Amino acid sequence: GGRVDWITTCKFFSSELGFGNLRIDGWVNRETRAPHVAVHLCIVFNVLFIYIGMPPRTNLVLDDAYNDHVYGTARAATGKSLNDYHVQCVEDKAFKQYVSKSHVVNAFMVAPTTLLYTIPFKEKNFAKVRQLSMDYVRSWLELVDETEGVLADGIDTREVQTELLQLDVRTRQFCGRDPDTKNVANIFGLETTDKLVRTLWGDPDDPIWQAR
């Protein structure tokens, strides 16, 4: 409801496989320029893998105000900026930065404060990750709630609406190019996987999706 367009969630755990996955993706509509949010937590045996980020909905190279406001400004809900969390993880020796070998994946990681790490699974580290996840969602909700300033600038113009639509569609369709989607295909088969991707994340040939 409100400016939140939709939220997707996934929770899976198998003690036999030693694998667990929890993810929350929040998508905003075009009434705001606020970023989307992604919180992906995965455990493989005794290692935590995290991807926590807010993909921008503009070209940050051309929009310093957006970059400073979204990623560099402390939020009232947490008292910290997203960059503060980035620095916190960089300086924590338990957090080992993960860098994908895929140019496709790396091109998608455009948020300057994206948290992409592996961490030994210990109670203390899990508590840190849990707090990071909750603070990110709190920060996101605060940004979504803003009605003035950077995130509202030009929101009613055709130029901004076109930019938001193009970025949103391409962002949602990223999983179609994600190399790890092959793992899903190994489970469900190529045909079912393709239907899942197109249904959940947008089919460019679907007139209903094109009308969004």
C-alpha atoms as a PDB file:
ATOM      1  CA  GLY A   1       0.000   0.000   0.000  1.00  0.00           C
ATOM      2  CA  GLY A   2       0.946   3.664  -0.243  1.00  0.00           C
ATOM      3  CA  ARG A   3       4.160   4.150  -2.191  1.00  0.00           C
ATOM      4  CA  VAL A   4       5.161   0.514  -1.721  1.00  0.00           C
ATOM      5  CA  ASP A   5       4.332  -1.168  -5.020  1.00  0.00           C
ATOM      6  CA  TRP A   6       4.951  -4.730  -3.883  1.00  0.00           C
ATOM      7  CA  ILE A   7       7.058  -6.832  -1.541  1.00  0.00           C
ATOM      8  CA  THR A   8       8.366 -10.308  -2.304  1.00  0.00           C
ATOM      9  CA  THR A   9       9.582 -12.667   0.389  1.00  0.00           C
ATOM     10  CA  CYS A  10      11.225 -16.074   0.394  1.00  0.00           C
ATOM     11  CA  LYS A  11      12.202 -18.349   3.260  1.00  0.00           C
ATOM     12  CA  PHE A  12      13.797 -21.764   2.907  1.00  0.00           C
ATOM     13  CA  PHE A  13      15.934 -23.950   5.148  1.00  0.00           C
ATOM     14  CA  SER A  14      17.152 -27.518   4.898  1.00  0.00           C
ATOM     15  CA  SER A  15      19.213 -29.018   7.707  1.00  0.00           C
ATOM     16  CA  GLU A  16      20.034 -31.954   5.437  1.00  0.00           C
ATOM     17  CA  LEU A  17      21.519 -29.693   2.778  1.00  0.00           C
ATOM     18  CA  GLY A  18      23.053 -27.338   5.330  1.00  0.00           C
ATOM     19  CA  PHE A  19      21.466 -24.470   3.436  1.00  0.00           C
ATOM     20  CA  GLY A  20      19.039 -21.717   4.331  1.00  0.00           C
ATOM     21  CA  ASN A  21      17.800 -18.632   2.521  1.00  0.00           C
ATOM     22  CA  LEU A  22      15.753 -15.636   3.645  1.00  0.00           C
ATOM     23  CA  ARG A  23      15.067 -12.707   1.371  1.00  0.00           C
ATOM     24  CA  ILE A  24      12.891  -9.637   1.321  1.00  0.00           C
ATOM     25  CA  ASP A  25      12.645  -7.330  -1.694  1.00  0.00           C
ATOM     26  CA  GLY A  26      10.717  -4.081  -1.402  1.00  0.00           C
ATOM     27  CA  TRP A  27       9.685  -2.197  -4.529  1.00  0.00           C
ATOM     28  CA  VAL A  28       8.331   1.338  -4.558  1.00  0.00           C
ATOM     29  CA  ASN A  29       6.046   2.852  -7.173  1.00  0.00           C
ATOM     30  CA  ARG A  30       6.631   5.955  -9.271  1.00  0.00           C
ATOM     31  CA  GLU A  31       5.140   8.404  -6.772  1.00  0.00           C
ATOM     32  CA  THR A  32       8.646   8.747  -5.338  1.00  0.00           C
ATOM     33  CA  ARG A  33      12.268   8.484  -6.428  1.00  0.00           C
ATOM     34  CA  ALA A  34      13.130   6.514  -3.295  1.00  0.00           C
ATOM     35  CA  PRO A  35      15.268   3.431  -3.949  1.00  0.00           C
ATOM     36  CA  HIS A  36      14.086  -0.142  -3.753  1.00  0.00           C
ATOM     37  CA  VAL A  37      15.458  -2.359  -0.980  1.00  0.00           C
ATOM     38  CA  ALA A  38      16.889  -5.876  -0.970  1.00  0.00           C
ATOM     39  CA  VAL A  39      17.745  -7.942   2.092  1.00  0.00           C
ATOM     40  CA  HIS A  40      19.093 -11.390   1.188  1.00  0.00           C
ATOM     41  CA  LEU A  41      20.504 -13.624   3.923  1.00  0.00           C
ATOM     42  CA  CYS A  42      21.875 -17.057   3.116  1.00  0.00           C
ATOM     43  CA  ILE A  43      23.569 -19.670   5.265  1.00  0.00           C
ATOM     44  CA  VAL A  44      25.687 -22.435   3.766  1.00  0.00           C
ATOM     45  CA  PHE A  45      26.900 -24.780   6.479  1.00  0.00           C
ATOM     46  CA  ASN A  46      28.738 -22.409   8.854  1.00  0.00           C
ATOM     47  CA  VAL A  47      29.015 -19.359   6.623  1.00  0.00           C
ATOM     48  CA  LEU A  48      26.586 -16.457   6.292  1.00  0.00           C
ATOM     49  CA  PHE A  49      26.269 -14.740   2.924  1.00  0.00           C
ATOM     50  CA  ILE A  50      24.544 -11.361   2.856  1.00  0.00           C
ATOM     51  CA  TYR A  51      23.400  -8.997   0.149  1.00  0.00           C
ATOM     52  CA  ILE A  52      21.778  -5.901   1.592  1.00  0.00           C
ATOM     53  CA  GLY A  53      21.287  -2.856  -0.579  1.00  0.00           C
ATOM     54  CA  MET A  54      19.132  -0.100  -1.987  1.00  0.00           C
ATOM     55  CA  PRO A  55      19.495   0.072  -5.788  1.00  0.00           C
ATOM     56  CA  PRO A  56      19.288   3.725  -6.902  1.00  0.00           C
ATOM     57  CA  ARG A  57      16.589   4.877  -9.278  1.00  0.00           C
ATOM     58  CA  THR A  58      18.726   7.415 -11.071  1.00  0.00           C
ATOM     59  CA  ASN A  59      22.191   7.748 -12.577  1.00  0.00           C
ATOM     60  CA  LEU A  60      24.360   8.576  -9.560  1.00  0.00           C
ATOM     61  CA  VAL A  61      27.156   9.912 -11.767  1.00  0.00           C
ATOM     62  CA  LEU A  62      24.797  12.699 -12.808  1.00  0.00           C
ATOM     63  CA  ASP A  63      22.884  13.155  -9.545  1.00  0.00           C
ATOM     64  CA  ASP A  64      25.060  14.132  -6.576  1.00  0.00           C
ATOM     65  CA  ALA A  65      22.058  15.333  -4.565  1.00  0.00           C
ATOM     66  CA  TYR A  66      20.430  11.893  -4.747  1.00  0.00           C
ATOM     67  CA  ASN A  67      23.677  10.143  -3.814  1.00  0.00           C
ATOM     68  CA  ASP A  68      24.280  12.429  -0.828  1.00  0.00           C
ATOM     69  CA  HIS A  69      20.694  12.263   0.416  1.00  0.00           C
ATOM     70  CA  VAL A  70      20.060   8.537   0.077  1.00  0.00           C
ATOM     71  CA  TYR A  71      23.472   7.102   0.884  1.00  0.00           C
ATOM     72  CA  GLY A  72      25.282   9.812   2.839  1.00  0.00           C
ATOM     73  CA  THR A  73      22.638  11.321   5.123  1.00  0.00           C
ATOM     74  CA  ALA A  74      21.857   9.948   8.581  1.00  0.00           C
ATOM     75  CA  ARG A  75      18.281   8.764   8.997  1.00  0.00           C
ATOM     76  CA  ALA A  76      16.183   9.768  11.989  1.00  0.00           C
ATOM     77  CA  ALA A  77      15.072   6.161  12.553  1.00  0.00           C
ATOM     78  CA  THR A  78      18.622   4.859  13.029  1.00  0.00           C
ATOM     79  CA  GLY A  79      20.893   7.844  13.570  1.00  0.00           C
ATOM     80  CA  LYS A  80      23.179   6.511  10.835  1.00  0.00           C
ATOM     81  CA  SER A  81      23.608   6.888   7.096  1.00  0.00           C
ATOM     82  CA  LEU A  82      23.835   3.937   4.731  1.00  0.00           C
ATOM     83  CA  ASN A  83      27.482   4.836   4.235  1.00  0.00           C
ATOM     84  CA  ASP A  84      27.996   4.473   7.995  1.00  0.00           C
ATOM     85  CA  TYR A  85      26.859   0.849   7.728  1.00  0.00           C
ATOM     86  CA  HIS A  86      29.175   0.362   4.762  1.00  0.00           C
ATOM     87  CA  VAL A  87      32.153   1.644   6.776  1.00  0.00           C
ATOM     88  CA  GLN A  88      31.076  -0.457   9.762  1.00  0.00           C
ATOM     89  CA  CYS A  89      31.275  -3.633   7.674  1.00  0.00           C
ATOM     90  CA  VAL A  90      34.536  -2.646   5.964  1.00  0.00           C
ATOM     91  CA  GLU A  91      36.185  -2.158   9.365  1.00  0.00           C
ATOM     92  CA  ASP A  92      34.802  -5.381  10.874  1.00  0.00           C
ATOM     93  CA  LYS A  93      37.381  -8.148  10.375  1.00  0.00           C
ATOM     94  CA  ALA A  94      34.678 -10.813  10.559  1.00  0.00           C
ATOM     95  CA  PHE A  95      33.125  -9.453   7.347  1.00  0.00           C
ATOM     96  CA  LYS A  96      34.844 -10.623   4.160  1.00  0.00           C
ATOM     97  CA  GLN A  97      33.757  -8.701   1.084  1.00  0.00           C
ATOM     98  CA  TYR A  98      32.356 -10.862  -1.694  1.00  0.00           C
ATOM     99  CA  VAL A  99      33.124  -9.927  -5.290  1.00  0.00           C
ATOM    100  CA  SER A 100      31.334 -11.778  -8.059  1.00  0.00           C
ATOM    101  CA  LYS A 101      33.289 -13.104 -11.034  1.00  0.00           C
ATOM    102  CA  SER A 102      30.401 -12.125 -13.312  1.00  0.00           C
ATOM    103  CA  HIS A 103      30.338  -8.787 -15.128  1.00  0.00           C
ATOM    104  CA  VAL A 104      26.552  -9.163 -15.294  1.00  0.00           C
ATOM    105  CA  VAL A 105      26.205  -9.323 -11.516  1.00  0.00           C
ATOM    106  CA  ASN A 106      28.740  -6.560 -10.871  1.00  0.00           C
ATOM    107  CA  ALA A 107      26.942  -4.217 -13.264  1.00  0.00           C
ATOM    108  CA  PHE A 108      23.834  -4.605 -11.107  1.00  0.00           C
ATOM    109  CA  MET A 109      25.661  -3.682  -7.870  1.00  0.00           C
ATOM    110  CA  VAL A 110      25.519   0.059  -8.532  1.00  0.00           C
ATOM    111  CA  ALA A 111      24.508   1.269  -5.060  1.00  0.00           C
ATOM    112  CA  PRO A 112      27.655   2.750  -3.454  1.00  0.00           C
ATOM    113  CA  THR A 113      26.863   1.275  -0.033  1.00  0.00           C
ATOM    114  CA  THR A 114      25.844  -2.249  -1.057  1.00  0.00           C
ATOM    115  CA  LEU A 115      26.683  -4.794   1.642  1.00  0.00           C
ATOM    116  CA  LEU A 116      27.904  -7.976  -0.043  1.00  0.00           C
ATOM    117  CA  TYR A 117      29.795 -10.150   2.414  1.00  0.00           C
ATOM    118  CA  THR A 118      30.492 -13.596   3.795  1.00  0.00           C
ATOM    119  CA  ILE A 119      30.705 -13.947   7.578  1.00  0.00           C
ATOM    120  CA  PRO A 120      31.436 -16.926   9.848  1.00  0.00           C
ATOM    121  CA  PHE A 121      28.170 -18.115  11.355  1.00  0.00           C
ATOM    122  CA  LYS A 122      28.393 -17.303  15.056  1.00  0.00           C
ATOM    123  CA  GLU A 123      25.760 -15.943  17.416  1.00  0.00           C
ATOM    124  CA  LYS A 124      27.558 -12.594  17.702  1.00  0.00           C
ATOM    125  CA  ASN A 125      27.893 -12.206  13.932  1.00  0.00           C
ATOM    126  CA  PHE A 126      24.297 -13.256  13.330  1.00  0.00           C
ATOM    127  CA  ALA A 127      23.159 -10.541  15.756  1.00  0.00           C
ATOM    128  CA  LYS A 128      25.154  -7.971  13.750  1.00  0.00           C
ATOM    129  CA  VAL A 129      23.587  -9.093  10.475  1.00  0.00           C
ATOM    130  CA  ARG A 130      20.116  -9.084  12.007  1.00  0.00           C
ATOM    131  CA  GLN A 131      20.581  -5.502  13.217  1.00  0.00           C
ATOM    132  CA  LEU A 132      21.964  -4.390   9.852  1.00  0.00           C
ATOM    133  CA  SER A 133      18.948  -5.880   8.087  1.00  0.00           C
ATOM    134  CA  MET A 134      16.420  -4.222  10.377  1.00  0.00           C
ATOM    135  CA  ASP A 135      18.174  -0.850  10.234  1.00  0.00           C
ATOM    136  CA  TYR A 136      18.257  -0.975   6.438  1.00  0.00           C
ATOM    137  CA  VAL A 137      14.526  -1.632   6.264  1.00  0.00           C
ATOM    138  CA  ARG A 138      13.832   1.153   8.779  1.00  0.00           C
ATOM    139  CA  SER A 139      15.942   3.545   6.710  1.00  0.00           C
ATOM    140  CA  TRP A 140      14.130   2.497   3.542  1.00  0.00           C
ATOM    141  CA  LEU A 141      10.684   3.043   5.046  1.00  0.00           C
ATOM    142  CA  GLU A 142      11.748   6.513   6.158  1.00  0.00           C
ATOM    143  CA  LEU A 143      12.911   7.374   2.638  1.00  0.00           C
ATOM    144  CA  VAL A 144       9.702   6.034   1.113  1.00  0.00           C
ATOM    145  CA  ASP A 145       7.686   8.226   3.476  1.00  0.00           C
ATOM    146  CA  GLU A 146       9.337  11.485   2.350  1.00  0.00           C
ATOM    147  CA  THR A 147       7.057  13.807   0.385  1.00  0.00           C
ATOM    148  CA  GLU A 148       9.420  16.736  -0.203  1.00  0.00           C
ATOM    149  CA  GLY A 149      13.000  17.295  -1.263  1.00  0.00           C
ATOM    150  CA  VAL A 150      15.314  15.218  -3.431  1.00  0.00           C
ATOM    151  CA  LEU A 151      13.060  12.169  -3.723  1.00  0.00           C
ATOM    152  CA  ALA A 152      10.094  14.260  -4.836  1.00  0.00           C
ATOM    153  CA  ASP A 153      11.950  16.509  -7.286  1.00  0.00           C
ATOM    154  CA  GLY A 154      10.380  16.400 -10.746  1.00  0.00           C
ATOM    155  CA  ILE A 155       8.278  13.392  -9.823  1.00  0.00           C
ATOM    156  CA  ASP A 156       5.334  14.594 -11.928  1.00  0.00           C
ATOM    157  CA  THR A 157       7.385  15.265 -15.055  1.00  0.00           C
ATOM    158  CA  ARG A 158       7.383  12.957 -18.044  1.00  0.00           C
ATOM    159  CA  GLU A 159      11.191  12.836 -18.016  1.00  0.00           C
ATOM    160  CA  VAL A 160      11.425  11.508 -14.454  1.00  0.00           C
ATOM    161  CA  GLN A 161       8.529   9.096 -14.920  1.00  0.00           C
ATOM    162  CA  THR A 162      10.161   7.652 -18.044  1.00  0.00           C
ATOM    163  CA  GLU A 163      13.494   7.244 -16.263  1.00  0.00           C
ATOM    164  CA  LEU A 164      11.875   5.516 -13.285  1.00  0.00           C
ATOM    165  CA  LEU A 165       9.896   3.123 -15.487  1.00  0.00           C
ATOM    166  CA  GLN A 166      12.940   2.137 -17.541  1.00  0.00           C
ATOM    167  CA  LEU A 167      15.110   1.580 -14.468  1.00  0.00           C
ATOM    168  CA  ASP A 168      12.423  -0.349 -12.600  1.00  0.00           C
ATOM    169  CA  VAL A 169      11.685  -2.718 -15.471  1.00  0.00           C
ATOM    170  CA  ARG A 170      15.360  -3.405 -16.150  1.00  0.00           C
ATOM    171  CA  THR A 171      16.090  -3.902 -12.451  1.00  0.00           C
ATOM    172  CA  ARG A 172      13.294  -6.440 -12.110  1.00  0.00           C
ATOM    173  CA  GLN A 173      14.388  -8.272 -15.223  1.00  0.00           C
ATOM    174  CA  PHE A 174      17.960  -8.636 -13.978  1.00  0.00           C
ATOM    175  CA  CYS A 175      17.335 -12.136 -12.630  1.00  0.00           C
ATOM    176  CA  GLY A 176      16.824 -13.288 -16.213  1.00  0.00           C
ATOM    177  CA  ARG A 177      20.536 -12.573 -16.797  1.00  0.00           C
ATOM    178  CA  ASP A 178      21.774 -13.634 -13.369  1.00  0.00           C
ATOM    179  CA  PRO A 179      24.144 -16.606 -13.900  1.00  0.00           C
ATOM    180  CA  ASP A 180      22.874 -18.208 -10.688  1.00  0.00           C
ATOM    181  CA  THR A 181      19.409 -18.572 -12.194  1.00  0.00           C
ATOM    182  CA  LYS A 182      20.780 -21.787 -13.713  1.00  0.00           C
ATOM    183  CA  ASN A 183      20.635 -23.299 -10.217  1.00  0.00           C
ATOM    184  CA  VAL A 184      16.872 -22.770 -10.217  1.00  0.00           C
ATOM    185  CA  ALA A 185      16.661 -24.310 -13.683  1.00  0.00           C
ATOM    186  CA  ASN A 186      18.443 -27.395 -12.376  1.00  0.00           C
ATOM    187  CA  ILE A 187      15.622 -27.830  -9.861  1.00  0.00           C
ATOM    188  CA  PHE A 188      12.520 -26.804 -11.814  1.00  0.00           C
ATOM    189  CA  GLY A 189      13.631 -27.167 -15.423  1.00  0.00           C
ATOM    190  CA  LEU A 190      14.207 -24.431 -18.009  1.00  0.00           C
ATOM    191  CA  GLU A 191      10.578 -23.982 -19.069  1.00  0.00           C
ATOM    192  CA  THR A 192       9.183 -23.560 -15.546  1.00  0.00           C
ATOM    193  CA  THR A 193      12.086 -21.314 -14.542  1.00  0.00           C
ATOM    194  CA  ASP A 194      11.457 -19.062 -17.531  1.00  0.00           C
ATOM    195  CA  LYS A 195       7.773 -18.791 -16.610  1.00  0.00           C
ATOM    196  CA  LEU A 196       8.670 -17.956 -13.003  1.00  0.00           C
ATOM    197  CA  VAL A 197      11.112 -15.240 -14.057  1.00  0.00           C
ATOM    198  CA  ARG A 198       8.688 -13.669 -16.498  1.00  0.00           C
ATOM    199  CA  THR A 199       5.731 -13.853 -14.120  1.00  0.00           C
ATOM    200  CA  LEU A 200       7.486 -12.487 -11.045  1.00  0.00           C
ATOM    201  CA  TRP A 201       9.847  -9.981 -12.585  1.00  0.00           C
ATOM    202  CA  GLY A 202       8.189  -8.813 -15.760  1.00  0.00           C
ATOM    203  CA  ASP A 203       7.739 -10.001 -19.299  1.00  0.00           C
ATOM    204  CA  PRO A 204       8.773  -7.321 -21.836  1.00  0.00           C
ATOM    205  CA  ASP A 205       6.203  -8.731 -24.272  1.00  0.00           C
ATOM    206  CA  ASP A 206       3.326  -8.529 -21.789  1.00  0.00           C
ATOM    207  CA  PRO A 207       1.033  -5.537 -22.589  1.00  0.00           C
ATOM    208  CA  ILE A 208      -0.105  -5.374 -18.962  1.00  0.00           C
ATOM    209  CA  TRP A 209       3.490  -5.055 -17.792  1.00  0.00           C
ATOM    210  CA  GLN A 210       4.242  -2.475 -20.493  1.00  0.00           C
ATOM    211  CA  ALA A 211       1.364  -0.354 -19.185  1.00  0.00           C
ATOM    212  CA  ARG A 212       2.820  -0.068 -15.678  1.00  0.00           C
END
